[in-house]
Amino acid sequence: MKLSYLEELEKLEAAWKSPRMPEALTVISLFAGCGGSSVGYHAAGFQEVLAVDFDKDAEAVFRANMPGITFLKADLREL
């Protein structure tokens, strides 16, 4: 049975809110934007430990959407 778009979003939200297993692989998100890739990482079972982006608007949205993840506002070319 194919899920509707809303059902898929609810499934992703449930994956995001579920606790990570201690053995979950860790990832960092480069060019994090507002957190779309973060949702995918969590749905796949990864533990995201850091997100990086240089855009101040992306930072504000990311922090609102993903409050438990450390965000580094930086330009990767300068690190």
PDB file of N, CA and C in Angstrom:
ATOM      1  N   MET A   1       0.840  -1.179   0.000  1.00  0.00           N
ATOM      2  CA  MET A   1       0.000   0.000   0.000  1.00  0.00           C
ATOM      3  C   MET A   1       0.889   1.248   0.000  1.00  0.00           C
ATOM      4  N   LYS A   2       0.628   2.124  -0.912  1.00  0.00           N
ATOM      5  CA  LYS A   2       1.417   3.353  -1.028  1.00  0.00           C
ATOM      6  C   LYS A   2       0.903   4.394  -0.019  1.00  0.00           C
ATOM      7  N   LEU A   3       1.843   5.040   0.686  1.00  0.00           N
ATOM      8  CA  LEU A   3       1.485   6.062   1.656  1.00  0.00           C
ATOM      9  C   LEU A   3       1.241   7.390   0.959  1.00  0.00           C
ATOM     10  N   SER A   4       0.327   8.162   1.514  1.00  0.00           N
ATOM     11  CA  SER A   4       0.116   9.509   0.995  1.00  0.00           C
ATOM     12  C   SER A   4       1.287  10.392   1.422  1.00  0.00           C
ATOM     13  N   TYR A   5       1.380  11.545   0.799  1.00  0.00           N
ATOM     14  CA  TYR A   5       2.450  12.488   1.136  1.00  0.00           C
ATOM     15  C   TYR A   5       2.407  12.842   2.622  1.00  0.00           C
ATOM     16  N   LEU A   6       1.221  13.111   3.147  1.00  0.00           N
ATOM     17  CA  LEU A   6       1.083  13.458   4.561  1.00  0.00           C
ATOM     18  C   LEU A   6       1.509  12.301   5.450  1.00  0.00           C
ATOM     19  N   GLU A   7       1.163  11.086   5.067  1.00  0.00           N
ATOM     20  CA  GLU A   7       1.576   9.916   5.847  1.00  0.00           C
ATOM     21  C   GLU A   7       3.100   9.755   5.834  1.00  0.00           C
ATOM     22  N   GLU A   8       3.711  10.029   4.687  1.00  0.00           N
ATOM     23  CA  GLU A   8       5.172   9.976   4.603  1.00  0.00           C
ATOM     24  C   GLU A   8       5.812  11.011   5.529  1.00  0.00           C
ATOM     25  N   LEU A   9       5.251  12.226   5.541  1.00  0.00           N
ATOM     26  CA  LEU A   9       5.776  13.262   6.438  1.00  0.00           C
ATOM     27  C   LEU A   9       5.616  12.873   7.891  1.00  0.00           C
ATOM     28  N   GLU A  10       4.493  12.281   8.243  1.00  0.00           N
ATOM     29  CA  GLU A  10       4.274  11.840   9.623  1.00  0.00           C
ATOM     30  C   GLU A  10       5.258  10.739  10.000  1.00  0.00           C
ATOM     31  N   LYS A  11       5.554   9.860   9.041  1.00  0.00           N
ATOM     32  CA  LYS A  11       6.534   8.793   9.276  1.00  0.00           C
ATOM     33  C   LYS A  11       7.924   9.390   9.515  1.00  0.00           C
ATOM     34  N   LEU A  12       8.299  10.391   8.715  1.00  0.00           N
ATOM     35  CA  LEU A  12       9.586  11.058   8.910  1.00  0.00           C
ATOM     36  C   LEU A  12       9.648  11.774  10.252  1.00  0.00           C
ATOM     37  N   GLU A  13       8.553  12.418  10.641  1.00  0.00           N
ATOM     38  CA  GLU A  13       8.525  13.102  11.930  1.00  0.00           C
ATOM     39  C   GLU A  13       8.695  12.106  13.076  1.00  0.00           C
ATOM     40  N   ALA A  14       8.044  10.965  12.974  1.00  0.00           N
ATOM     41  CA  ALA A  14       8.187   9.931  14.008  1.00  0.00           C
ATOM     42  C   ALA A  14       9.630   9.441  14.077  1.00  0.00           C
ATOM     43  N   ALA A  15      10.268   9.280  12.919  1.00  0.00           N
ATOM     44  CA  ALA A  15      11.673   8.852  12.906  1.00  0.00           C
ATOM     45  C   ALA A  15      12.559   9.911  13.547  1.00  0.00           C
ATOM     46  N   TRP A  16      12.268  11.180  13.266  1.00  0.00           N
ATOM     47  CA  TRP A  16      13.054  12.280  13.838  1.00  0.00           C
ATOM     48  C   TRP A  16      12.937  12.291  15.353  1.00  0.00           C
ATOM     49  N   LYS A  17      11.744  12.055  15.868  1.00  0.00           N
ATOM     50  CA  LYS A  17      11.509  12.141  17.314  1.00  0.00           C
ATOM     51  C   LYS A  17      11.939  10.890  18.064  1.00  0.00           C
ATOM     52  N   SER A  18      12.157   9.796  17.361  1.00  0.00           N
ATOM     53  CA  SER A  18      12.527   8.559  18.048  1.00  0.00           C
ATOM     54  C   SER A  18      13.969   8.645  18.539  1.00  0.00           C
ATOM     55  N   PRO A  19      14.247   8.035  19.680  1.00  0.00           N
ATOM     56  CA  PRO A  19      15.619   8.082  20.205  1.00  0.00           C
ATOM     57  C   PRO A  19      16.563   7.268  19.326  1.00  0.00           C
ATOM     58  N   ARG A  20      17.808   7.690  19.286  1.00  0.00           N
ATOM     59  CA  ARG A  20      18.835   6.971  18.527  1.00  0.00           C
ATOM     60  C   ARG A  20      19.363   5.830  19.376  1.00  0.00           C
ATOM     61  N   MET A  21      19.710   4.753  18.727  1.00  0.00           N
ATOM     62  CA  MET A  21      20.319   3.624  19.412  1.00  0.00           C
ATOM     63  C   MET A  21      21.768   3.985  19.738  1.00  0.00           C
ATOM     64  N   PRO A  22      22.322   3.475  20.824  1.00  0.00           N
ATOM     65  CA  PRO A  22      23.710   3.797  21.185  1.00  0.00           C
ATOM     66  C   PRO A  22      24.710   3.451  20.086  1.00  0.00           C
ATOM     67  N   GLU A  23      24.427   2.429  19.304  1.00  0.00           N
ATOM     68  CA  GLU A  23      25.361   2.014  18.255  1.00  0.00           C
ATOM     69  C   GLU A  23      25.111   2.729  16.920  1.00  0.00           C
ATOM     70  N   ALA A  24      24.219   3.717  16.899  1.00  0.00           N
ATOM     71  CA  ALA A  24      23.921   4.441  15.657  1.00  0.00           C
ATOM     72  C   ALA A  24      25.175   5.144  15.135  1.00  0.00           C
ATOM     73  N   LEU A  25      25.370   5.075  13.835  1.00  0.00           N
ATOM     74  CA  LEU A  25      26.492   5.776  13.212  1.00  0.00           C
ATOM     75  C   LEU A  25      26.259   7.279  13.308  1.00  0.00           C
ATOM     76  N   THR A  26      27.330   8.032  13.482  1.00  0.00           N
ATOM     77  CA  THR A  26      27.215   9.479  13.588  1.00  0.00           C
ATOM     78  C   THR A  26      27.581  10.146  12.267  1.00  0.00           C
ATOM     79  N   VAL A  27      26.932  11.281  12.013  1.00  0.00           N
ATOM     80  CA  VAL A  27      27.186  12.048  10.795  1.00  0.00           C
ATOM     81  C   VAL A  27      27.247  13.529  11.136  1.00  0.00           C
ATOM     82  N   ILE A  28      27.874  14.290  10.239  1.00  0.00           N
ATOM     83  CA  ILE A  28      27.776  15.740  10.290  1.00  0.00           C
ATOM     84  C   ILE A  28      27.150  16.180   8.972  1.00  0.00           C
ATOM     85  N   SER A  29      26.409  17.258   9.027  1.00  0.00           N
ATOM     86  CA  SER A  29      25.732  17.773   7.845  1.00  0.00           C
ATOM     87  C   SER A  29      26.460  19.021   7.361  1.00  0.00           C
ATOM     88  N   LEU A  30      27.066  18.917   6.181  1.00  0.00           N
ATOM     89  CA  LEU A  30      27.706  20.075   5.563  1.00  0.00           C
ATOM     90  C   LEU A  30      26.691  20.711   4.620  1.00  0.00           C
ATOM     91  N   PHE A  31      26.701  22.025   4.519  1.00  0.00           N
ATOM     92  CA  PHE A  31      25.706  22.743   3.710  1.00  0.00           C
ATOM     93  C   PHE A  31      24.308  22.378   4.199  1.00  0.00           C
ATOM     94  N   ALA A  32      24.096  22.494   5.508  1.00  0.00           N
ATOM     95  CA  ALA A  32      22.908  21.970   6.178  1.00  0.00           C
ATOM     96  C   ALA A  32      21.602  22.640   5.772  1.00  0.00           C
ATOM     97  N   GLY A  33      21.666  23.889   5.367  1.00  0.00           N
ATOM     98  CA  GLY A  33      20.427  24.578   5.002  1.00  0.00           C
ATOM     99  C   GLY A  33      19.452  24.582   6.164  1.00  0.00           C
ATOM    100  N   CYS A  34      18.188  24.352   5.876  1.00  0.00           N
ATOM    101  CA  CYS A  34      17.165  24.391   6.928  1.00  0.00           C
ATOM    102  C   CYS A  34      16.951  23.036   7.590  1.00  0.00           C
ATOM    103  N   GLY A  35      17.664  21.999   7.146  1.00  0.00           N
ATOM    104  CA  GLY A  35      17.609  20.716   7.832  1.00  0.00           C
ATOM    105  C   GLY A  35      16.986  19.573   7.061  1.00  0.00           C
ATOM    106  N   GLY A  36      16.783  19.728   5.776  1.00  0.00           N
ATOM    107  CA  GLY A  36      16.190  18.641   4.990  1.00  0.00           C
ATOM    108  C   GLY A  36      17.013  17.367   5.024  1.00  0.00           C
ATOM    109  N   SER A  37      18.315  17.489   4.867  1.00  0.00           N
ATOM    110  CA  SER A  37      19.160  16.294   4.909  1.00  0.00           C
ATOM    111  C   SER A  37      19.169  15.694   6.315  1.00  0.00           C
ATOM    112  N   SER A  38      19.020  16.537   7.325  1.00  0.00           N
ATOM    113  CA  SER A  38      18.985  16.049   8.708  1.00  0.00           C
ATOM    114  C   SER A  38      17.797  15.125   8.931  1.00  0.00           C
ATOM    115  N   VAL A  39      16.657  15.471   8.346  1.00  0.00           N
ATOM    116  CA  VAL A  39      15.480  14.606   8.454  1.00  0.00           C
ATOM    117  C   VAL A  39      15.795  13.244   7.841  1.00  0.00           C
ATOM    118  N   GLY A  40      16.451  13.253   6.687  1.00  0.00           N
ATOM    119  CA  GLY A  40      16.831  12.000   6.037  1.00  0.00           C
ATOM    120  C   GLY A  40      17.809  11.181   6.857  1.00  0.00           C
ATOM    121  N   TYR A  41      18.795  11.847   7.455  1.00  0.00           N
ATOM    122  CA  TYR A  41      19.753  11.122   8.300  1.00  0.00           C
ATOM    123  C   TYR A  41      19.040  10.420   9.447  1.00  0.00           C
ATOM    124  N   HIS A  42      18.138  11.137  10.075  1.00  0.00           N
ATOM    125  CA  HIS A  42      17.421  10.558  11.214  1.00  0.00           C
ATOM    126  C   HIS A  42      16.492   9.441  10.779  1.00  0.00           C
ATOM    127  N   ALA A  43      15.834   9.617   9.645  1.00  0.00           N
ATOM    128  CA  ALA A  43      14.955   8.568   9.139  1.00  0.00           C
ATOM    129  C   ALA A  43      15.748   7.295   8.827  1.00  0.00           C
ATOM    130  N   ALA A  44      17.008   7.471   8.429  1.00  0.00           N
ATOM    131  CA  ALA A  44      17.875   6.325   8.129  1.00  0.00           C
ATOM    132  C   ALA A  44      18.524   5.740   9.379  1.00  0.00           C
ATOM    133  N   GLY A  45      18.316   6.369  10.542  1.00  0.00           N
ATOM    134  CA  GLY A  45      18.836   5.834  11.794  1.00  0.00           C
ATOM    135  C   GLY A  45      20.157   6.408  12.262  1.00  0.00           C
ATOM    136  N   PHE A  46      20.677   7.416  11.568  1.00  0.00           N
ATOM    137  CA  PHE A  46      21.936   8.027  11.971  1.00  0.00           C
ATOM    138  C   PHE A  46      21.738   9.017  13.112  1.00  0.00           C
ATOM    139  N   GLN A  47      22.818   9.268  13.840  1.00  0.00           N
ATOM    140  CA  GLN A  47      22.846  10.293  14.885  1.00  0.00           C
ATOM    141  C   GLN A  47      23.639  11.471  14.349  1.00  0.00           C
ATOM    142  N   GLU A  48      22.988  12.590  14.126  1.00  0.00           N
ATOM    143  CA  GLU A  48      23.683  13.777  13.626  1.00  0.00           C
ATOM    144  C   GLU A  48      24.256  14.546  14.810  1.00  0.00           C
ATOM    145  N   VAL A  49      25.542  14.864  14.728  1.00  0.00           N
ATOM    146  CA  VAL A  49      26.201  15.533  15.847  1.00  0.00           C
ATOM    147  C   VAL A  49      26.558  16.981  15.553  1.00  0.00           C
ATOM    148  N   LEU A  50      26.543  17.373  14.284  1.00  0.00           N
ATOM    149  CA  LEU A  50      26.923  18.735  13.919  1.00  0.00           C
ATOM    150  C   LEU A  50      26.346  19.080  12.560  1.00  0.00           C
ATOM    151  N   ALA A  51      25.898  20.320  12.422  1.00  0.00           N
ATOM    152  CA  ALA A  51      25.439  20.845  11.135  1.00  0.00           C
ATOM    153  C   ALA A  51      26.205  22.134  10.854  1.00  0.00           C
ATOM    154  N   VAL A  52      26.601  22.325   9.590  1.00  0.00           N
ATOM    155  CA  VAL A  52      27.389  23.496   9.206  1.00  0.00           C
ATOM    156  C   VAL A  52      26.745  24.179   8.006  1.00  0.00           C
ATOM    157  N   ASP A  53      26.600  25.488   8.094  1.00  0.00           N
ATOM    158  CA  ASP A  53      26.154  26.300   6.967  1.00  0.00           C
ATOM    159  C   ASP A  53      26.577  27.735   7.245  1.00  0.00           C
ATOM    160  N   PHE A  54      26.740  28.534   6.204  1.00  0.00           N
ATOM    161  CA  PHE A  54      27.187  29.914   6.397  1.00  0.00           C
ATOM    162  C   PHE A  54      26.049  30.924   6.324  1.00  0.00           C
ATOM    163  N   ASP A  55      24.875  30.497   5.931  1.00  0.00           N
ATOM    164  CA  ASP A  55      23.756  31.410   5.736  1.00  0.00           C
ATOM    165  C   ASP A  55      23.012  31.664   7.049  1.00  0.00           C
ATOM    166  N   LYS A  56      22.856  32.938   7.411  1.00  0.00           N
ATOM    167  CA  LYS A  56      22.219  33.267   8.697  1.00  0.00           C
ATOM    168  C   LYS A  56      20.744  32.888   8.716  1.00  0.00           C
ATOM    169  N   ASP A  57      20.062  32.984   7.572  1.00  0.00           N
ATOM    170  CA  ASP A  57      18.652  32.598   7.521  1.00  0.00           C
ATOM    171  C   ASP A  57      18.499  31.081   7.658  1.00  0.00           C
ATOM    172  N   ALA A  58      19.389  30.344   7.013  1.00  0.00           N
ATOM    173  CA  ALA A  58      19.373  28.888   7.151  1.00  0.00           C
ATOM    174  C   ALA A  58      19.634  28.503   8.604  1.00  0.00           C
ATOM    175  N   GLU A  59      20.550  29.218   9.242  1.00  0.00           N
ATOM    176  CA  GLU A  59      20.851  28.937  10.655  1.00  0.00           C
ATOM    177  C   GLU A  59      19.599  29.099  11.512  1.00  0.00           C
ATOM    178  N   ALA A  60      18.876  30.188  11.324  1.00  0.00           N
ATOM    179  CA  ALA A  60      17.684  30.444  12.139  1.00  0.00           C
ATOM    180  C   ALA A  60      16.643  29.349  11.950  1.00  0.00           C
ATOM    181  N   VAL A  61      16.418  28.948  10.712  1.00  0.00           N
ATOM    182  CA  VAL A  61      15.416  27.910  10.434  1.00  0.00           C
ATOM    183  C   VAL A  61      15.901  26.563  10.961  1.00  0.00           C
ATOM    184  N   PHE A  62      17.177  26.250  10.752  1.00  0.00           N
ATOM    185  CA  PHE A  62      17.719  24.979  11.233  1.00  0.00           C
ATOM    186  C   PHE A  62      17.576  24.885  12.748  1.00  0.00           C
ATOM    187  N   ARG A  63      17.962  25.932  13.441  1.00  0.00           N
ATOM    188  CA  ARG A  63      17.884  25.911  14.912  1.00  0.00           C
ATOM    189  C   ARG A  63      16.444  25.743  15.397  1.00  0.00           C
ATOM    190  N   ALA A  64      15.485  26.342  14.681  1.00  0.00           N
ATOM    191  CA  ALA A  64      14.080  26.185  15.049  1.00  0.00           C
ATOM    192  C   ALA A  64      13.594  24.757  14.783  1.00  0.00           C
ATOM    193  N   ASN A  65      14.043  24.169  13.668  1.00  0.00           N
ATOM    194  CA  ASN A  65      13.591  22.829  13.282  1.00  0.00           C
ATOM    195  C   ASN A  65      14.327  21.711  14.004  1.00  0.00           C
ATOM    196  N   MET A  66      15.584  21.924  14.327  1.00  0.00           N
ATOM    197  CA  MET A  66      16.438  20.866  14.875  1.00  0.00           C
ATOM    198  C   MET A  66      17.126  21.340  16.164  1.00  0.00           C
ATOM    199  N   PRO A  67      16.373  21.588  17.216  1.00  0.00           N
ATOM    200  CA  PRO A  67      16.955  22.205  18.415  1.00  0.00           C
ATOM    201  C   PRO A  67      18.019  21.371  19.121  1.00  0.00           C
ATOM    202  N   GLY A  68      18.060  20.085  18.908  1.00  0.00           N
ATOM    203  CA  GLY A  68      19.025  19.256  19.629  1.00  0.00           C
ATOM    204  C   GLY A  68      20.357  19.069  18.933  1.00  0.00           C
ATOM    205  N   ILE A  69      20.549  19.707  17.780  1.00  0.00           N
ATOM    206  CA  ILE A  69      21.775  19.508  17.008  1.00  0.00           C
ATOM    207  C   ILE A  69      22.625  20.773  17.051  1.00  0.00           C
ATOM    208  N   THR A  70      23.905  20.614  17.334  1.00  0.00           N
ATOM    209  CA  THR A  70      24.823  21.741  17.345  1.00  0.00           C
ATOM    210  C   THR A  70      24.959  22.291  15.927  1.00  0.00           C
ATOM    211  N   PHE A  71      24.872  23.610  15.799  1.00  0.00           N
ATOM    212  CA  PHE A  71      24.972  24.267  14.496  1.00  0.00           C
ATOM    213  C   PHE A  71      26.185  25.176  14.504  1.00  0.00           C
ATOM    214  N   LEU A  72      27.021  25.063  13.475  1.00  0.00           N
ATOM    215  CA  LEU A  72      28.194  25.912  13.321  1.00  0.00           C
ATOM    216  C   LEU A  72      27.966  26.806  12.110  1.00  0.00           C
ATOM    217  N   LYS A  73      27.891  28.119  12.349  1.00  0.00           N
ATOM    218  CA  LYS A  73      27.731  29.076  11.244  1.00  0.00           C
ATOM    219  C   LYS A  73      29.125  29.400  10.746  1.00  0.00           C
ATOM    220  N   ALA A  74      29.484  28.829   9.595  1.00  0.00           N
ATOM    221  CA  ALA A  74      30.827  29.023   9.059  1.00  0.00           C
ATOM    222  C   ALA A  74      30.829  28.742   7.564  1.00  0.00           C
ATOM    223  N   ASP A  75      31.793  29.354   6.893  1.00  0.00           N
ATOM    224  CA  ASP A  75      32.041  29.101   5.489  1.00  0.00           C
ATOM    225  C   ASP A  75      33.109  28.019   5.410  1.00  0.00           C
ATOM    226  N   LEU A  76      32.775  26.867   4.839  1.00  0.00           N
ATOM    227  CA  LEU A  76      33.705  25.739   4.808  1.00  0.00           C
ATOM    228  C   LEU A  76      34.992  26.061   4.066  1.00  0.00           C
ATOM    229  N   ARG A  77      34.932  27.004   3.148  1.00  0.00           N
ATOM    230  CA  ARG A  77      36.155  27.381   2.425  1.00  0.00           C
ATOM    231  C   ARG A  77      37.165  28.043   3.344  1.00  0.00           C
ATOM    232  N   GLU A  78      36.717  28.562   4.476  1.00  0.00           N
ATOM    233  CA  GLU A  78      37.594  29.270   5.396  1.00  0.00           C
ATOM    234  C   GLU A  78      38.023  28.432   6.595  1.00  0.00           C
ATOM    235  N   LEU A  79      37.500  27.245   6.718  1.00  0.00           N
ATOM    236  CA  LEU A  79      37.871  26.382   7.856  1.00  0.00           C
ATOM    237  C   LEU A  79      39.168  25.657   7.603  1.00  0.00           C
TER     238      LEU A  79
END
